PDB file of N, CA and C in Angstrom:
ATOM      1  N   MET A   1     -63.659  66.093 -15.430  1.00  0.00           N
ATOM      2  CA  MET A   1     -64.420  66.626 -16.236  1.00  0.00           C
ATOM      3  C   MET A   1     -65.368  67.339 -16.025  1.00  0.00           C
ATOM      4  N   GLN A   2     -66.168  67.306 -15.073  1.00  0.00           N
ATOM      5  CA  GLN A   2     -67.391  68.040 -14.789  1.00  0.00           C
ATOM      6  C   GLN A   2     -67.234  68.907 -14.333  1.00  0.00           C
ATOM      7  N   LEU A   3     -65.680  69.431 -13.242  1.00  0.00           N
ATOM      8  CA  LEU A   3     -64.967  70.414 -12.844  1.00  0.00           C
ATOM      9  C   LEU A   3     -64.938  71.780 -14.077  1.00  0.00           C
ATOM     10  N   ILE A   4     -64.165  70.540 -15.189  1.00  0.00           N
ATOM     11  CA  ILE A   4     -63.727  72.301 -15.873  1.00  0.00           C
ATOM     12  C   ILE A   4     -64.997  72.545 -17.178  1.00  0.00           C
ATOM     13  N   GLN A   5     -65.746  71.579 -16.760  1.00  0.00           N
ATOM     14  CA  GLN A   5     -67.130  72.133 -17.397  1.00  0.00           C
ATOM     15  C   GLN A   5     -68.181  73.138 -16.583  1.00  0.00           C
ATOM     16  N   ARG A   6     -67.574  73.295 -15.447  1.00  0.00           N
ATOM     17  CA  ARG A   6     -68.101  73.824 -14.142  1.00  0.00           C
ATOM     18  C   ARG A   6     -68.151  75.609 -14.116  1.00  0.00           C
ATOM     19  N   LEU A   7     -66.541  75.116 -14.822  1.00  0.00           N
ATOM     20  CA  LEU A   7     -65.863  76.450 -14.882  1.00  0.00           C
ATOM     21  C   LEU A   7     -65.602  77.216 -15.463  1.00  0.00           C
ATOM     22  N   ILE A   8     -65.764  76.723 -16.414  1.00  0.00           N
ATOM     23  CA  ILE A   8     -66.055  76.958 -17.947  1.00  0.00           C
ATOM     24  C   ILE A   8     -67.052  77.861 -18.063  1.00  0.00           C
ATOM     25  N   ARG A   9     -68.193  77.441 -17.585  1.00  0.00           N
ATOM     26  CA  ARG A   9     -69.761  77.461 -17.659  1.00  0.00           C
ATOM     27  C   ARG A   9     -70.839  78.879 -16.925  1.00  0.00           C
ATOM     28  N   GLU A  10     -69.746  78.364 -15.278  1.00  0.00           N
ATOM     29  CA  GLU A  10     -70.472  78.927 -14.174  1.00  0.00           C
ATOM     30  C   GLU A  10     -70.647  81.152 -14.602  1.00  0.00           C
ATOM     31  N   HIS A  11     -69.579  81.331 -14.846  1.00  0.00           N
ATOM     32  CA  HIS A  11     -69.332  82.459 -14.945  1.00  0.00           C
ATOM     33  C   HIS A  11     -70.258  82.987 -16.152  1.00  0.00           C
ATOM     34  N   PRO A  12     -70.425  82.224 -17.121  1.00  0.00           N
ATOM     35  CA  PRO A  12     -71.016  82.852 -18.590  1.00  0.00           C
ATOM     36  C   PRO A  12     -72.904  82.801 -17.892  1.00  0.00           C
ATOM     37  N   GLU A  13     -73.131  81.695 -17.353  1.00  0.00           N
ATOM     38  CA  GLU A  13     -74.535  81.918 -17.288  1.00  0.00           C
ATOM     39  C   GLU A  13     -74.844  82.970 -16.404  1.00  0.00           C
ATOM     40  N   SER A  14     -73.554  82.838 -15.928  1.00  0.00           N
ATOM     41  CA  SER A  14     -74.089  84.252 -14.594  1.00  0.00           C
ATOM     42  C   SER A  14     -74.556  85.543 -14.419  1.00  0.00           C
ATOM     43  N   VAL A  15     -74.153  85.794 -16.245  1.00  0.00           N
ATOM     44  CA  VAL A  15     -74.392  86.821 -16.632  1.00  0.00           C
ATOM     45  C   VAL A  15     -75.301  86.438 -17.803  1.00  0.00           C
ATOM     46  N   GLY A  16     -75.804  85.864 -18.111  1.00  0.00           N
ATOM     47  CA  GLY A  16     -77.092  85.431 -19.004  1.00  0.00           C
ATOM     48  C   GLY A  16     -76.392  85.051 -20.003  1.00  0.00           C
ATOM     49  N   GLU A  17     -75.598  84.479 -20.186  1.00  0.00           N
ATOM     50  CA  GLU A  17     -75.230  83.966 -22.123  1.00  0.00           C
ATOM     51  C   GLU A  17     -74.289  82.882 -22.090  1.00  0.00           C
ATOM     52  N   SER A  18     -74.072  82.158 -23.135  1.00  0.00           N
ATOM     53  CA  SER A  18     -73.970  80.707 -23.005  1.00  0.00           C
ATOM     54  C   SER A  18     -72.175  80.572 -22.914  1.00  0.00           C
ATOM     55  N   TYR A  19     -70.998  80.153 -23.335  1.00  0.00           N
ATOM     56  CA  TYR A  19     -69.894  80.355 -23.661  1.00  0.00           C
ATOM     57  C   TYR A  19     -70.064  80.842 -24.612  1.00  0.00           C
ATOM     58  N   LEU A  20     -69.848  80.812 -26.158  1.00  0.00           N
ATOM     59  CA  LEU A  20     -69.573  81.161 -26.962  1.00  0.00           C
ATOM     60  C   LEU A  20     -70.261  82.622 -26.785  1.00  0.00           C
ATOM     61  N   GLU A  21     -71.279  82.914 -26.503  1.00  0.00           N
ATOM     62  CA  GLU A  21     -72.284  84.481 -26.177  1.00  0.00           C
ATOM     63  C   GLU A  21     -70.534  85.155 -25.273  1.00  0.00           C
ATOM     64  N   HIS A  22     -70.453  84.826 -24.179  1.00  0.00           N
ATOM     65  CA  HIS A  22     -69.053  85.179 -23.510  1.00  0.00           C
ATOM     66  C   HIS A  22     -68.360  85.618 -23.749  1.00  0.00           C
ATOM     67  N   LEU A  23     -67.414  84.475 -24.704  1.00  0.00           N
ATOM     68  CA  LEU A  23     -66.305  84.530 -25.641  1.00  0.00           C
ATOM     69  C   LEU A  23     -66.220  85.626 -26.758  1.00  0.00           C
ATOM     70  N   SER A  24     -67.689  85.651 -27.209  1.00  0.00           N
ATOM     71  CA  SER A  24     -67.398  87.029 -28.115  1.00  0.00           C
ATOM     72  C   SER A  24     -67.483  88.258 -27.511  1.00  0.00           C
ATOM     73  N   GLN A  25     -68.597  88.184 -26.112  1.00  0.00           N
ATOM     74  CA  GLN A  25     -68.050  89.770 -25.823  1.00  0.00           C
ATOM     75  C   GLN A  25     -67.180  90.350 -25.177  1.00  0.00           C
ATOM     76  N   ALA A  26     -66.391  89.050 -24.482  1.00  0.00           N
ATOM     77  CA  ALA A  26     -65.112  89.234 -23.552  1.00  0.00           C
ATOM     78  C   ALA A  26     -64.218  90.130 -24.368  1.00  0.00           C
ATOM     79  N   SER A  27     -64.689  88.867 -25.790  1.00  0.00           N
ATOM     80  CA  SER A  27     -62.800  89.502 -26.680  1.00  0.00           C
ATOM     81  C   SER A  27     -63.384  90.680 -27.548  1.00  0.00           C
ATOM     82  N   TYR A  28     -64.295  90.891 -27.109  1.00  0.00           N
ATOM     83  CA  TYR A  28     -64.619  91.940 -27.734  1.00  0.00           C
ATOM     84  C   TYR A  28     -64.241  93.615 -27.124  1.00  0.00           C
ATOM     85  N   PHE A  29     -64.677  92.964 -25.643  1.00  0.00           N
ATOM     86  CA  PHE A  29     -64.390  94.396 -24.607  1.00  0.00           C
ATOM     87  C   PHE A  29     -63.160  94.617 -24.868  1.00  0.00           C
ATOM     88  N   GLY A  30     -62.361  93.186 -24.829  1.00  0.00           N
ATOM     89  CA  GLY A  30     -60.805  93.024 -24.719  1.00  0.00           C
ATOM     90  C   GLY A  30     -59.904  93.541 -25.962  1.00  0.00           C
ATOM     91  N   ILE A  31     -60.864  93.298 -26.767  1.00  0.00           N
ATOM     92  CA  ILE A  31     -60.231  94.284 -28.315  1.00  0.00           C
ATOM     93  C   ILE A  31     -60.079  95.567 -28.046  1.00  0.00           C
ATOM     94  N   ARG A  32     -61.486  96.115 -27.703  1.00  0.00           N
ATOM     95  CA  ARG A  32     -62.131  97.831 -27.540  1.00  0.00           C
ATOM     96  C   ARG A  32     -60.736  98.312 -26.661  1.00  0.00           C
ATOM     97  N   MET A  33     -60.696  97.327 -25.718  1.00  0.00           N
ATOM     98  CA  MET A  33     -59.051  98.191 -24.601  1.00  0.00           C
ATOM     99  C   MET A  33     -58.017  98.086 -25.151  1.00  0.00           C
ATOM    100  N   LEU A  34     -57.701  96.784 -25.896  1.00  0.00           N
ATOM    101  CA  LEU A  34     -56.906  97.253 -26.453  1.00  0.00           C
ATOM    102  C   LEU A  34     -56.373  98.218 -26.866  1.00  0.00           C
ATOM    103  N   VAL A  35     -56.849  98.784 -27.808  1.00  0.00           N
ATOM    104  CA  VAL A  35     -57.536  99.848 -28.812  1.00  0.00           C
ATOM    105  C   VAL A  35     -57.199 101.106 -28.213  1.00  0.00           C
ATOM    106  N   ALA A  36     -57.709 100.955 -27.602  1.00  0.00           N
ATOM    107  CA  ALA A  36     -58.032 102.160 -26.764  1.00  0.00           C
ATOM    108  C   ALA A  36     -57.059 102.892 -25.667  1.00  0.00           C
ATOM    109  N   GLY A  37     -55.849 101.689 -24.945  1.00  0.00           N
ATOM    110  CA  GLY A  37     -55.044 101.764 -24.339  1.00  0.00           C
ATOM    111  C   GLY A  37     -54.332 102.306 -26.125  1.00  0.00           C
ATOM    112  N   LEU A  38     -53.917 101.612 -26.808  1.00  0.00           N
ATOM    113  CA  LEU A  38     -52.946 102.137 -27.672  1.00  0.00           C
ATOM    114  C   LEU A  38     -52.576 103.213 -27.763  1.00  0.00           C
ATOM    115  N   ALA A  39     -54.090 104.186 -28.528  1.00  0.00           N
ATOM    116  CA  ALA A  39     -54.800 105.226 -28.621  1.00  0.00           C
ATOM    117  C   ALA A  39     -53.986 106.517 -27.712  1.00  0.00           C
ATOM    118  N   CYS A  40     -54.117 105.743 -26.336  1.00  0.00           N
ATOM    119  CA  CYS A  40     -53.893 106.725 -25.278  1.00  0.00           C
ATOM    120  C   CYS A  40     -52.384 106.166 -25.387  1.00  0.00           C
ATOM    121  N   LEU A  41     -51.438 105.305 -25.757  1.00  0.00           N
ATOM    122  CA  LEU A  41     -50.371 105.815 -25.476  1.00  0.00           C
ATOM    123  C   LEU A  41     -49.319 106.900 -26.653  1.00  0.00           C
ATOM    124  N   VAL A  42     -50.232 107.029 -27.784  1.00  0.00           N
ATOM    125  CA  VAL A  42     -50.315 108.207 -28.709  1.00  0.00           C
ATOM    126  C   VAL A  42     -50.553 109.157 -28.558  1.00  0.00           C
ATOM    127  N   HIS A  43     -51.335 109.451 -27.794  1.00  0.00           N
ATOM    128  CA  HIS A  43     -51.888 110.689 -28.020  1.00  0.00           C
ATOM    129  C   HIS A  43     -50.788 110.899 -26.296  1.00  0.00           C
ATOM    130  N   ALA A  44     -50.182 110.174 -25.539  1.00  0.00           N
ATOM    131  CA  ALA A  44     -49.229 110.656 -24.277  1.00  0.00           C
ATOM    132  C   ALA A  44     -47.698 111.037 -25.704  1.00  0.00           C
ATOM    133  N   VAL A  45     -47.469 111.141 -26.560  1.00  0.00           N
ATOM    134  CA  VAL A  45     -46.080 111.125 -27.697  1.00  0.00           C
ATOM    135  C   VAL A  45     -47.145 112.359 -28.023  1.00  0.00           C
ATOM    136  N   LEU A  46     -48.843 112.226 -28.386  1.00  0.00           N
ATOM    137  CA  LEU A  46     -48.748 113.567 -29.847  1.00  0.00           C
ATOM    138  C   LEU A  46     -50.205 113.794 -28.870  1.00  0.00           C
ATOM    139  N   PRO A  47     -50.352 114.994 -27.694  1.00  0.00           N
ATOM    140  CA  PRO A  47     -51.978 114.797 -26.729  1.00  0.00           C
ATOM    141  C   PRO A  47     -53.032 115.471 -28.304  1.00  0.00           C
ATOM    142  N   CYS A  48     -52.074 115.880 -29.904  1.00  0.00           N
ATOM    143  CA  CYS A  48     -52.829 116.370 -30.487  1.00  0.00           C
ATOM    144  C   CYS A  48     -54.042 115.470 -31.015  1.00  0.00           C
ATOM    145  N   LEU A  49     -53.904 113.991 -30.866  1.00  0.00           N
ATOM    146  CA  LEU A  49     -53.898 112.592 -31.304  1.00  0.00           C
ATOM    147  C   LEU A  49     -54.858 112.081 -30.175  1.00  0.00           C
ATOM    148  N   PHE A  50     -56.258 111.703 -30.666  1.00  0.00           N
ATOM    149  CA  PHE A  50     -57.022 110.434 -30.149  1.00  0.00           C
ATOM    150  C   PHE A  50     -57.213 110.844 -28.822  1.00  0.00           C
ATOM    151  N   LYS A  51     -57.699 112.861 -28.501  1.00  0.00           N
ATOM    152  CA  LYS A  51     -58.021 113.529 -27.599  1.00  0.00           C
ATOM    153  C   LYS A  51     -59.122 112.579 -27.047  1.00  0.00           C
ATOM    154  N   THR A  52     -60.150 112.063 -27.329  1.00  0.00           N
ATOM    155  CA  THR A  52     -61.602 111.524 -26.581  1.00  0.00           C
ATOM    156  C   THR A  52     -61.674 110.312 -27.145  1.00  0.00           C
ATOM    157  N   THR A  53     -60.320 109.509 -27.486  1.00  0.00           N
ATOM    158  CA  THR A  53     -60.726 108.173 -27.965  1.00  0.00           C
ATOM    159  C   THR A  53     -60.784 106.976 -26.626  1.00  0.00           C
ATOM    160  N   ALA A  54     -60.171 107.254 -25.630  1.00  0.00           N
ATOM    161  CA  ALA A  54     -60.446 106.503 -24.332  1.00  0.00           C
ATOM    162  C   ALA A  54     -61.540 106.958 -23.993  1.00  0.00           C
ATOM    163  N   ARG A  55     -61.754 108.106 -22.956  1.00  0.00           N
ATOM    164  CA  ARG A  55     -63.180 108.319 -23.131  1.00  0.00           C
ATOM    165  C   ARG A  55     -64.049 107.868 -23.480  1.00  0.00           C
ATOM    166  N   ALA A  56     -64.653 108.103 -25.494  1.00  0.00           N
ATOM    167  CA  ALA A  56     -65.651 107.377 -26.283  1.00  0.00           C
ATOM    168  C   ALA A  56     -65.484 105.637 -25.718  1.00  0.00           C
ATOM    169  N   ALA A  57     -64.768 105.611 -25.457  1.00  0.00           N
ATOM    170  CA  ALA A  57     -64.483 103.740 -25.669  1.00  0.00           C
ATOM    171  C   ALA A  57     -64.861 102.886 -24.553  1.00  0.00           C
ATOM    172  N   ILE A  58     -64.422 104.055 -23.319  1.00  0.00           N
ATOM    173  CA  ILE A  58     -65.256 103.409 -21.781  1.00  0.00           C
ATOM    174  C   ILE A  58     -66.283 103.779 -21.707  1.00  0.00           C
ATOM    175  N   SER A  59     -66.679 105.093 -22.200  1.00  0.00           N
ATOM    176  CA  SER A  59     -68.859 105.050 -22.596  1.00  0.00           C
ATOM    177  C   SER A  59     -69.440 103.908 -22.564  1.00  0.00           C
ATOM    178  N   GLU A  60     -68.940 103.570 -24.140  1.00  0.00           N
ATOM    179  CA  GLU A  60     -69.178 102.643 -25.381  1.00  0.00           C
ATOM    180  C   GLU A  60     -69.446 101.368 -24.048  1.00  0.00           C
ATOM    181  N   LEU A  61     -68.217 101.240 -24.148  1.00  0.00           N
ATOM    182  CA  LEU A  61     -68.236 100.156 -22.806  1.00  0.00           C
ATOM    183  C   LEU A  61     -69.250  99.500 -21.884  1.00  0.00           C
ATOM    184  N   HIS A  62     -69.174 100.257 -20.755  1.00  0.00           N
ATOM    185  CA  HIS A  62     -70.119 100.615 -19.566  1.00  0.00           C
ATOM    186  C   HIS A  62     -71.410 101.121 -20.415  1.00  0.00           C
ATOM    187  N   THR A  63     -71.328 101.861 -21.327  1.00  0.00           N
ATOM    188  CA  THR A  63     -73.428 101.507 -21.528  1.00  0.00           C
ATOM    189  C   THR A  63     -74.161 100.035 -21.882  1.00  0.00           C
ATOM    190  N   LYS A  64     -72.886  99.292 -22.739  1.00  0.00           N
ATOM    191  CA  LYS A  64     -73.309  97.444 -23.354  1.00  0.00           C
ATOM    192  C   LYS A  64     -72.802  97.124 -22.000  1.00  0.00           C
ATOM    193  N   MET A  65     -72.552  96.979 -21.010  1.00  0.00           N
ATOM    194  CA  MET A  65     -71.965  96.533 -20.087  1.00  0.00           C
ATOM    195  C   MET A  65     -73.750  96.388 -19.409  1.00  0.00           C
ATOM    196  N   MET A  66     -73.762  98.094 -18.880  1.00  0.00           N
ATOM    197  CA  MET A  66     -75.377  98.279 -18.018  1.00  0.00           C
ATOM    198  C   MET A  66     -76.390  98.269 -19.141  1.00  0.00           C
ATOM    199  N   VAL A  67     -76.285  97.564 -19.792  1.00  0.00           N
ATOM    200  CA  VAL A  67     -77.494  97.273 -20.156  1.00  0.00           C
ATOM    201  C   VAL A  67     -77.901  95.699 -20.931  1.00  0.00           C
ATOM    202  N   LYS A  68     -76.506  95.241 -20.776  1.00  0.00           N
ATOM    203  CA  LYS A  68     -76.650  93.876 -20.524  1.00  0.00           C
ATOM    204  C   LYS A  68     -77.122  93.621 -19.590  1.00  0.00           C
ATOM    205  N   ARG A  69     -76.596  93.707 -18.708  1.00  0.00           N
ATOM    206  CA  ARG A  69     -76.403  93.504 -16.928  1.00  0.00           C
ATOM    207  C   ARG A  69     -78.429  93.982 -16.640  1.00  0.00           C
ATOM    208  N   ALA A  70     -78.594  95.621 -16.838  1.00  0.00           N
ATOM    209  CA  ALA A  70     -80.481  95.185 -16.446  1.00  0.00           C
ATOM    210  C   ALA A  70     -80.873  94.453 -17.433  1.00  0.00           C
ATOM    211  N   THR A  71     -80.675  93.864 -18.694  1.00  0.00           N
ATOM    212  CA  THR A  71     -81.438  92.920 -19.573  1.00  0.00           C
ATOM    213  C   THR A  71     -81.289  91.540 -19.188  1.00  0.00           C
ATOM    214  N   HIS A  72     -80.491  91.513 -18.703  1.00  0.00           N
ATOM    215  CA  HIS A  72     -80.008  89.942 -17.976  1.00  0.00           C
ATOM    216  C   HIS A  72     -80.761  90.009 -16.716  1.00  0.00           C
ATOM    217  N   ARG A  73     -81.183  90.888 -15.537  1.00  0.00           N
ATOM    218  CA  ARG A  73     -81.671  91.073 -14.615  1.00  0.00           C
ATOM    219  C   ARG A  73     -83.291  90.615 -14.616  1.00  0.00           C
ATOM    220  N   ASP A  74     -83.833  91.549 -15.553  1.00  0.00           N
ATOM    221  CA  ASP A  74     -85.200  91.594 -16.517  1.00  0.00           C
ATOM    222  C   ASP A  74     -85.675  90.567 -16.625  1.00  0.00           C
TER     223      ASP A  74
END
């Protein structure tokens, strides 16, 4: 039981989050990337659509991650 708790808590705590906070953040990132990926696939077929969707998603997620990382270090 302790091994499972350590495996579940170790990473979230290392980034300054509880398990539930990490679950929420990681889920948001995953869903956001899936949506952007689907937009990229549509863009591949119809280049006139979703021209900046992937770039915007990457920029948003990178900013969120860097802000969180900077906040956690302080």
